[in-house]
Protein backbone atom coordinates (compact mmCIF):
# COMPACT_ATOMS: atom_id res chain seq x y z
CA UNK A 1 6.42 29.08 3.21
CA UNK A 2 6.65 25.76 5.07
CA UNK A 3 8.13 23.04 2.85
CA UNK A 4 7.96 19.30 3.51
CA UNK A 5 10.06 16.80 1.57
CA UNK A 6 8.54 13.32 1.15
CA UNK A 7 10.78 10.31 0.52
CA UNK A 8 9.35 6.95 -0.53
CA UNK A 9 8.82 4.44 -3.33
CA UNK A 10 7.14 6.92 -5.66
CA UNK A 11 7.31 7.21 -9.43
CA UNK A 12 7.59 3.48 -10.10
CA UNK A 13 4.02 2.77 -11.18
CA UNK A 14 3.03 0.93 -8.01
CA UNK A 15 -0.63 1.74 -7.38
CA UNK A 16 -0.38 1.21 -3.63
CA UNK A 17 2.52 3.59 -3.18
CA UNK A 18 0.95 6.19 -5.47
CA UNK A 19 -2.25 5.92 -3.45
CA UNK A 20 -0.26 6.50 -0.26
CA UNK A 21 1.28 9.62 -1.73
CA UNK A 22 -2.12 10.85 -2.92
CA UNK A 23 -3.57 10.29 0.55
CA UNK A 24 -0.67 12.12 2.23
CA UNK A 25 -1.01 15.09 -0.11
CA UNK A 26 -4.77 15.19 0.45
CA UNK A 27 -4.36 15.12 4.24
CA UNK A 28 -1.78 17.93 4.30
CA UNK A 29 -3.86 20.06 1.94
CA UNK A 30 -6.89 19.59 4.20
CA UNK A 31 -4.90 20.62 7.27
CA UNK A 32 -2.83 23.46 5.79
CA UNK A 33 -3.25 24.42 2.12
CA UNK A 34 -0.21 26.72 2.35
CA UNK A 35 2.26 23.86 2.88
CA UNK A 36 4.54 23.19 -0.07
CA UNK A 37 5.32 19.52 -0.75
CA UNK A 38 8.34 18.18 -2.65
CA UNK A 39 8.55 14.47 -3.49
CA UNK A 40 11.73 12.47 -4.03
CA UNK A 41 10.64 10.29 -6.95
CA UNK A 42 11.87 7.69 -9.41
CA UNK A 43 10.00 9.59 -12.14
CA UNK A 44 9.65 13.27 -11.23
CA UNK A 45 7.76 14.20 -14.39
CA UNK A 46 5.13 11.53 -13.77
CA UNK A 47 4.86 12.50 -10.10
CA UNK A 48 4.30 16.15 -11.04
CA UNK A 49 1.66 15.17 -13.61
CA UNK A 50 -0.16 12.68 -11.42
CA UNK A 51 -0.06 14.51 -8.08
CA UNK A 52 0.49 18.18 -8.91
CA UNK A 53 3.50 18.62 -6.62
CA UNK A 54 7.16 19.49 -7.11
CA UNK A 55 9.46 16.48 -7.47
CA UNK A 56 13.18 15.72 -7.68
CA UNK A 57 14.77 12.52 -8.99
CA UNK A 58 15.84 10.13 -6.25
CA UNK A 59 19.30 9.72 -7.82
CA UNK A 60 19.83 13.45 -8.36
CA UNK A 61 21.82 13.77 -5.15
CA UNK A 62 22.62 17.45 -5.64
CA UNK A 63 18.92 18.13 -6.14
CA UNK A 64 17.99 16.06 -3.09
CA UNK A 65 20.49 17.96 -0.94
CA UNK A 66 19.13 21.25 -2.29
CA UNK A 67 15.48 20.55 -1.43
CA UNK A 68 16.38 19.08 1.97
CA UNK A 69 18.50 22.10 2.83
CA UNK A 70 15.60 24.50 2.29
CA UNK A 71 12.94 22.22 3.83
CA UNK A 72 11.25 22.38 7.21
CA UNK A 73 10.74 18.61 7.59
CA UNK A 74 11.59 15.30 5.93
CA UNK A 75 8.91 12.63 5.87
CA UNK A 76 10.07 9.10 5.12
CA UNK A 77 7.12 6.92 4.19
CA UNK A 78 4.67 5.44 4.05
CA UNK A 79 4.90 1.83 3.05
CA UNK A 80 7.37 -0.97 3.68
CA UNK A 81 10.54 1.00 3.06
CA UNK A 82 12.57 -0.26 6.00
CA UNK A 83 12.96 -3.98 5.39
CA UNK A 84 15.58 -6.13 3.70
CA UNK A 85 13.42 -8.97 2.36
CA UNK A 86 12.72 -7.61 -1.13
CA UNK A 87 15.95 -5.60 -1.33
CA UNK A 88 18.96 -4.66 0.77
CA UNK A 89 19.75 -1.59 -1.30
CA UNK A 90 16.40 0.11 -0.79
CA UNK A 91 16.69 0.01 3.00
CA UNK A 92 20.12 1.62 2.88
CA UNK A 93 18.93 4.19 0.36
CA UNK A 94 16.01 5.37 2.51
CA UNK A 95 18.15 5.39 5.64
CA UNK A 96 20.75 7.47 3.78
CA UNK A 97 18.13 10.12 2.98
CA UNK A 98 17.15 10.22 6.66
CA UNK A 99 20.81 10.48 7.68
CA UNK A 100 21.40 13.30 5.21
CA UNK A 101 18.42 15.27 6.50
CA UNK A 102 19.66 14.93 10.09
CA UNK A 103 23.16 16.05 9.01
CA UNK A 104 21.49 19.14 7.56
CA UNK A 105 19.79 19.78 10.89
CA UNK A 106 16.27 18.92 9.72
CA UNK A 107 13.56 17.17 11.75
CA UNK A 108 12.63 13.75 10.37
CA UNK A 109 9.42 11.75 10.73
CA UNK A 110 8.98 8.11 9.75
CA UNK A 111 5.40 8.31 8.48
CA UNK A 112 3.02 5.34 8.76
CA UNK A 113 5.82 2.90 8.11
CA UNK A 114 5.49 -0.85 7.98
CA UNK A 115 8.74 -1.87 9.67
CA UNK A 116 10.58 -5.07 8.86
CA UNK A 117 11.42 -7.78 8.58
CA UNK A 118 15.05 -6.68 8.98
CA UNK A 119 17.32 -9.72 9.03
CA UNK A 120 20.88 -8.74 8.14
CA UNK A 121 23.33 -7.80 10.88
CA UNK A 122 24.46 -4.60 9.16
CA UNK A 123 20.87 -3.67 8.33
CA UNK A 124 19.85 -4.06 11.98
CA UNK A 125 22.78 -1.94 13.13
CA UNK A 126 21.95 0.79 10.62
CA UNK A 127 18.28 0.75 11.62
CA UNK A 128 19.24 1.14 15.27
CA UNK A 129 21.74 3.93 14.61
CA UNK A 130 19.65 5.97 12.18
CA UNK A 131 16.25 5.14 13.67
CA UNK A 132 17.23 6.50 17.08
CA UNK A 133 18.13 9.85 15.51
CA UNK A 134 14.74 10.62 13.96
CA UNK A 135 12.32 12.90 15.77
CA UNK A 136 9.00 11.06 15.44
CA UNK A 137 7.80 7.66 14.23
CA UNK A 138 4.33 6.52 13.28
CA UNK A 139 3.78 2.90 12.25
CA UNK A 140 0.77 1.35 10.58
CA UNK A 141 0.38 -1.65 12.90
CA UNK A 142 1.39 -3.15 16.25
CA UNK A 143 3.73 -5.61 14.53
CA UNK A 144 5.83 -2.72 13.24
CA UNK A 145 6.13 -1.25 16.73
CA UNK A 146 7.24 -4.66 17.99
CA UNK A 147 9.84 -4.77 15.21
CA UNK A 148 11.21 -1.36 16.30
CA UNK A 149 11.56 -2.64 19.86
CA UNK A 150 13.36 -5.74 18.58
CA UNK A 151 15.71 -3.47 16.60
CA UNK A 152 16.25 -1.34 19.75
CA UNK A 153 14.87 1.81 18.16
CA UNK A 154 13.62 3.33 21.41
CA UNK A 155 14.53 7.03 21.55
CA UNK A 156 11.90 8.68 19.29
CA UNK A 157 8.23 8.71 20.32
CA UNK A 158 6.35 5.99 18.45
CA UNK A 159 2.62 6.05 17.62
CA UNK A 160 0.61 3.22 16.12
CA UNK A 161 -1.65 4.76 13.48
CA UNK A 162 -2.75 3.22 10.16
CA UNK A 163 -1.83 3.11 6.48
CA UNK A 164 -2.37 6.59 4.94
CA UNK A 165 -4.54 5.13 2.16
CA UNK A 166 -7.26 4.34 4.69
CA UNK A 167 -7.89 8.09 5.01
CA UNK A 168 -9.02 8.30 1.38
CA UNK A 169 -12.71 8.83 0.81
CA UNK A 170 -14.67 6.22 -1.17
CA UNK A 171 -15.02 7.25 -4.83
CA UNK A 172 -17.88 7.11 -7.30
CA UNK A 173 -18.27 3.68 -8.90
CA UNK A 174 -19.19 4.90 -12.36
CA UNK A 175 -15.58 5.19 -13.57
CA UNK A 176 -14.91 1.57 -12.71
CA UNK A 177 -18.22 0.52 -14.24
CA UNK A 178 -17.19 2.07 -17.57
CA UNK A 179 -13.79 0.32 -17.49
CA UNK A 180 -15.47 -3.01 -16.79
CA UNK A 181 -18.00 -2.44 -19.55
CA UNK A 182 -15.23 -1.76 -22.07
CA UNK A 183 -13.69 -5.08 -21.04
CA UNK A 184 -16.92 -6.98 -21.64
CA UNK A 185 -17.70 -7.44 -17.94
CA UNK A 186 -21.37 -6.62 -17.86
CA UNK A 187 -24.18 -8.65 -16.35
CA UNK A 188 -25.75 -9.66 -13.07
CA UNK A 189 -23.44 -12.57 -12.21
CA UNK A 190 -21.16 -12.04 -9.19
CA UNK A 191 -17.99 -10.17 -10.13
CA UNK A 192 -14.87 -11.38 -8.33
CA UNK A 193 -11.53 -9.64 -8.65
CA UNK A 194 -8.07 -11.11 -8.15
CA UNK A 195 -5.02 -8.94 -7.47
CA UNK A 196 -1.78 -10.89 -7.74
CA UNK A 197 1.92 -10.16 -7.86
CA UNK A 198 4.95 -12.10 -9.00
CA UNK A 199 6.93 -13.52 -6.10
CA UNK A 200 10.26 -15.30 -6.56
CA UNK A 201 8.94 -17.15 -9.64
CA UNK A 202 6.97 -19.47 -7.36
CA UNK A 203 4.44 -21.67 -9.17
CA UNK A 204 2.27 -23.18 -6.42
CA UNK A 205 0.13 -20.15 -5.72
CA UNK A 206 -0.37 -19.49 -9.44
CA UNK A 207 -1.69 -23.03 -9.96
CA UNK A 208 -3.96 -22.74 -6.92
CA UNK A 209 -5.33 -19.37 -8.04
CA UNK A 210 -6.02 -20.79 -11.50
CA UNK A 211 -7.96 -23.68 -9.93
CA UNK A 212 -9.72 -21.25 -7.56
CA UNK A 213 -10.77 -18.96 -10.40
CA UNK A 214 -12.14 -21.91 -12.39
CA UNK A 215 -14.18 -23.06 -9.41
CA UNK A 216 -15.50 -19.55 -8.72
CA UNK A 217 -16.85 -19.57 -12.26
CA UNK A 218 -18.27 -23.11 -12.28
CA UNK A 219 -19.53 -23.34 -8.67
CA UNK A 220 -20.62 -19.75 -8.01
CA UNK A 221 -21.46 -18.62 -11.56
CA UNK A 222 -19.02 -15.75 -11.11
CA UNK A 223 -17.16 -13.56 -13.56
CA UNK A 224 -13.45 -13.25 -12.75
CA UNK A 225 -11.27 -10.22 -13.47
CA UNK A 226 -7.57 -9.76 -12.67
CA UNK A 227 -6.77 -6.21 -11.52
CA UNK A 228 -3.12 -5.02 -11.68
CA UNK A 229 -1.71 -2.85 -8.91
CA UNK A 230 1.66 -2.49 -10.62
CA UNK A 231 1.84 -2.64 -14.39
CA UNK A 232 3.32 -4.46 -16.27
CA UNK A 233 4.56 -6.86 -13.56
CA UNK A 234 1.14 -7.77 -12.15
CA UNK A 235 -0.28 -8.12 -15.66
CA UNK A 236 2.39 -10.69 -16.52
CA UNK A 237 1.67 -12.68 -13.34
CA UNK A 238 -2.07 -12.58 -14.02
CA UNK A 239 -1.58 -13.80 -17.57
CA UNK A 240 0.35 -16.83 -16.29
CA UNK A 241 -2.58 -17.73 -14.05
CA UNK A 242 -5.22 -17.11 -16.71
CA UNK A 243 -3.27 -19.29 -19.15
CA UNK A 244 -3.60 -22.23 -16.72
CA UNK A 245 -7.35 -21.78 -16.34
CA UNK A 246 -9.93 -23.91 -18.09
CA UNK A 247 -12.57 -21.17 -17.89
CA UNK A 248 -12.37 -17.66 -19.30
CA UNK A 249 -11.26 -14.72 -17.19
CA UNK A 250 -10.42 -11.12 -18.05
CA UNK A 251 -7.00 -9.62 -17.38
CA UNK A 252 -7.06 -5.81 -17.18
CA UNK A 253 -3.82 -4.46 -18.62
CA UNK A 254 -3.85 -0.67 -18.28
CA UNK A 255 -2.03 1.49 -15.77
CA UNK A 256 -4.88 2.85 -13.65
CA UNK A 257 -5.00 5.87 -11.35
CA UNK A 258 -5.83 5.58 -7.66
CA UNK A 259 -9.39 6.80 -8.28
CA UNK A 260 -9.89 4.31 -11.12
CA UNK A 261 -8.64 1.39 -9.04
CA UNK A 262 -10.80 2.35 -6.08
CA UNK A 263 -13.80 2.58 -8.39
CA UNK A 264 -13.02 -0.79 -9.97
CA UNK A 265 -12.74 -2.44 -6.56
CA UNK A 266 -15.99 -0.80 -5.50
CA UNK A 267 -17.80 -2.62 -8.31
CA UNK A 268 -16.65 -6.05 -7.15
CA UNK A 269 -18.64 -8.48 -5.05
CA UNK A 270 -15.39 -9.89 -3.67
CA UNK A 271 -11.65 -9.30 -4.02
CA UNK A 272 -9.00 -11.98 -3.54
CA UNK A 273 -5.63 -10.30 -3.17
CA UNK A 274 -1.95 -10.86 -2.58
CA UNK A 275 -1.27 -7.11 -2.83
CA UNK A 276 -1.65 -5.22 0.47
CA UNK A 277 -3.08 -2.07 -1.05
CA UNK A 278 -5.62 -3.99 -3.07
CA UNK A 279 -6.92 -5.22 0.30
CA UNK A 280 -6.83 -1.68 1.68
CA UNK A 281 -8.74 -0.40 -1.38
CA UNK A 282 -11.37 -3.06 -0.61
CA UNK A 283 -11.67 -1.80 2.95
CA UNK A 284 -12.02 1.81 1.77
CA UNK A 285 -14.74 0.79 -0.71
CA UNK A 286 -16.41 -1.67 1.73
CA UNK A 287 -15.88 -4.60 -0.64
CA UNK A 288 -15.53 -8.07 0.96
CA UNK A 289 -11.96 -9.33 0.74
CA UNK A 290 -9.82 -12.42 1.06
CA UNK A 291 -6.11 -11.94 1.72
CA UNK A 292 -3.33 -14.29 0.68
CA UNK A 293 -0.17 -13.70 2.73
CA UNK A 294 3.36 -13.41 1.40
CA UNK A 295 4.62 -10.95 4.01
CA UNK A 296 3.79 -10.10 7.67
CA UNK A 297 2.22 -6.82 6.51
CA UNK A 298 -0.71 -8.76 5.04
CA UNK A 299 -1.34 -10.61 8.30
CA UNK A 300 -0.99 -7.40 10.30
CA UNK A 301 -3.49 -5.49 8.18
CA UNK A 302 -6.04 -8.30 8.21
CA UNK A 303 -5.68 -8.49 11.99
CA UNK A 304 -6.84 -4.86 12.24
CA UNK A 305 -10.07 -6.02 10.56
CA UNK A 306 -10.28 -9.01 12.92
CA UNK A 307 -9.56 -11.25 9.96
CA UNK A 308 -6.79 -13.60 8.87
CA UNK A 309 -5.40 -14.75 5.51
CA UNK A 310 -6.86 -17.73 3.69
CA UNK A 311 -3.32 -19.08 3.42
CA UNK A 312 0.17 -18.16 2.31
CA UNK A 313 1.65 -18.33 -1.17
CA UNK A 314 3.20 -21.66 -0.19
CA UNK A 315 0.34 -23.20 1.79
CA UNK A 316 -2.85 -21.89 0.20
CA UNK A 317 -5.43 -24.30 -1.21
CA UNK A 318 -8.30 -23.70 -3.59
CA UNK A 319 -10.66 -25.32 -1.09
CA UNK A 320 -9.77 -22.82 1.65
CA UNK A 321 -10.27 -19.81 -0.64
CA UNK A 322 -13.53 -21.15 -2.12
CA UNK A 323 -14.92 -21.91 1.34
CA UNK A 324 -14.20 -18.36 2.48
CA UNK A 325 -15.59 -16.91 -0.75
CA UNK A 326 -18.89 -18.74 -0.23
CA UNK A 327 -19.06 -17.50 3.37
CA UNK A 328 -18.64 -13.91 2.18
CA UNK A 329 -21.07 -14.18 -0.76
CA UNK A 330 -23.73 -11.51 -0.54
CA UNK A 331 -22.14 -9.68 2.40
CA UNK A 332 -21.42 -6.48 0.49
CA UNK A 333 -21.65 -4.20 3.53
CA UNK A 334 -20.42 -6.11 6.53
CA UNK A 335 -21.51 -4.16 9.59
CA UNK A 336 -18.71 -5.47 11.79
CA UNK A 337 -16.24 -3.68 9.51
CA UNK A 338 -17.68 -0.24 10.00
CA UNK A 339 -16.31 0.47 13.46
CA UNK A 340 -12.86 -0.90 12.61
CA UNK A 341 -12.63 1.10 9.38
CA UNK A 342 -13.84 4.31 11.03
CA UNK A 343 -11.13 3.97 13.67
CA UNK A 344 -8.50 3.20 11.03
CA UNK A 345 -9.54 6.24 8.95
CA UNK A 346 -9.08 8.54 11.94
CA UNK A 347 -5.71 6.95 12.76
CA UNK A 348 -4.57 7.30 9.13
CA UNK A 349 -5.40 11.02 9.15
CA UNK A 350 -3.63 11.41 12.51
CA UNK A 351 -0.29 10.80 10.75
CA UNK A 352 -0.53 14.21 9.08
CA UNK A 353 -1.72 15.87 12.29
CA UNK A 354 1.31 14.55 14.16
CA UNK A 355 3.62 15.78 11.38
CA UNK A 356 2.28 19.31 11.71
CA UNK A 357 2.56 19.13 15.50
CA UNK A 358 6.22 18.23 15.08
CA UNK A 359 6.71 21.22 12.78
CA UNK A 360 5.03 23.54 15.26
CA UNK A 361 7.30 22.36 18.06
CA UNK A 362 10.43 22.97 15.95
CA UNK A 363 9.51 26.52 14.99
């Protein structure tokens, strides 16, 4: 039986990364139900329960070697694994798994990666050395391909595709409706979601989002709900913002599944988000969105929708966000999105197709 090992930021309760894994599993099962998938995870038990696949702990090096040795392919991705902005150690860890697979004679694919920024001299050298040994690279945006060129990773074929999550099908909205009802969010008033993350203990964007949320309530008659993509970190950040508000907002505090989060987002009239995958969930569910940038990946994704952020964490203003929110009011199904999202869905699914083509060539 063909076995694929998947390496990434899985098992840490990050909804975006778990959604990526779910989308990858779904795509491979659609293409070849006989493929066996093994995930290198920070919480193997949770990964087995949530996704129904075999898993090995990321720090169980003997176990990692064992599954790589018997595998047919290593997939590294998706997500922003290869960057040194949030952590130096993670970049070296993921590159070490790639290096190990190549030492064992296994083909390696970087799968729908968001590359960079890579700033350190050693990190750049490692990216160049290891990156040029992999067999195939797909990246989720043009900016990532440009980053690979800057890093002089030129030997493997590189395809610009899209984030795997964009291949997910929209889900039924009833699950989200029930969650909202339990939280007291019923009624006909516009429902606006905010997805926020903690970033370097900065205060400016939290103050601006508190002001923005108050104005959404007073000027647009909206209900405001904070939706966590990674619990408990996002919940804590949302609470800080809600505490600075004059009006009342709801902070959801549970750890939701991919389907639940998609359904929640589908019930919104608008989502304002710092989190990339909250924005992607909005695109999947055709919910109008406003992105706030803290990383080039936000700008790159919005560019694929012919959009741009309302500001950065350091420069955003309540006026800019409110102005954009009023422009989007009532535009639940923006027609100019449809073509872009259809193309992105096909590109997202193409990641899995290219992986199986690589396997076929190596047999």
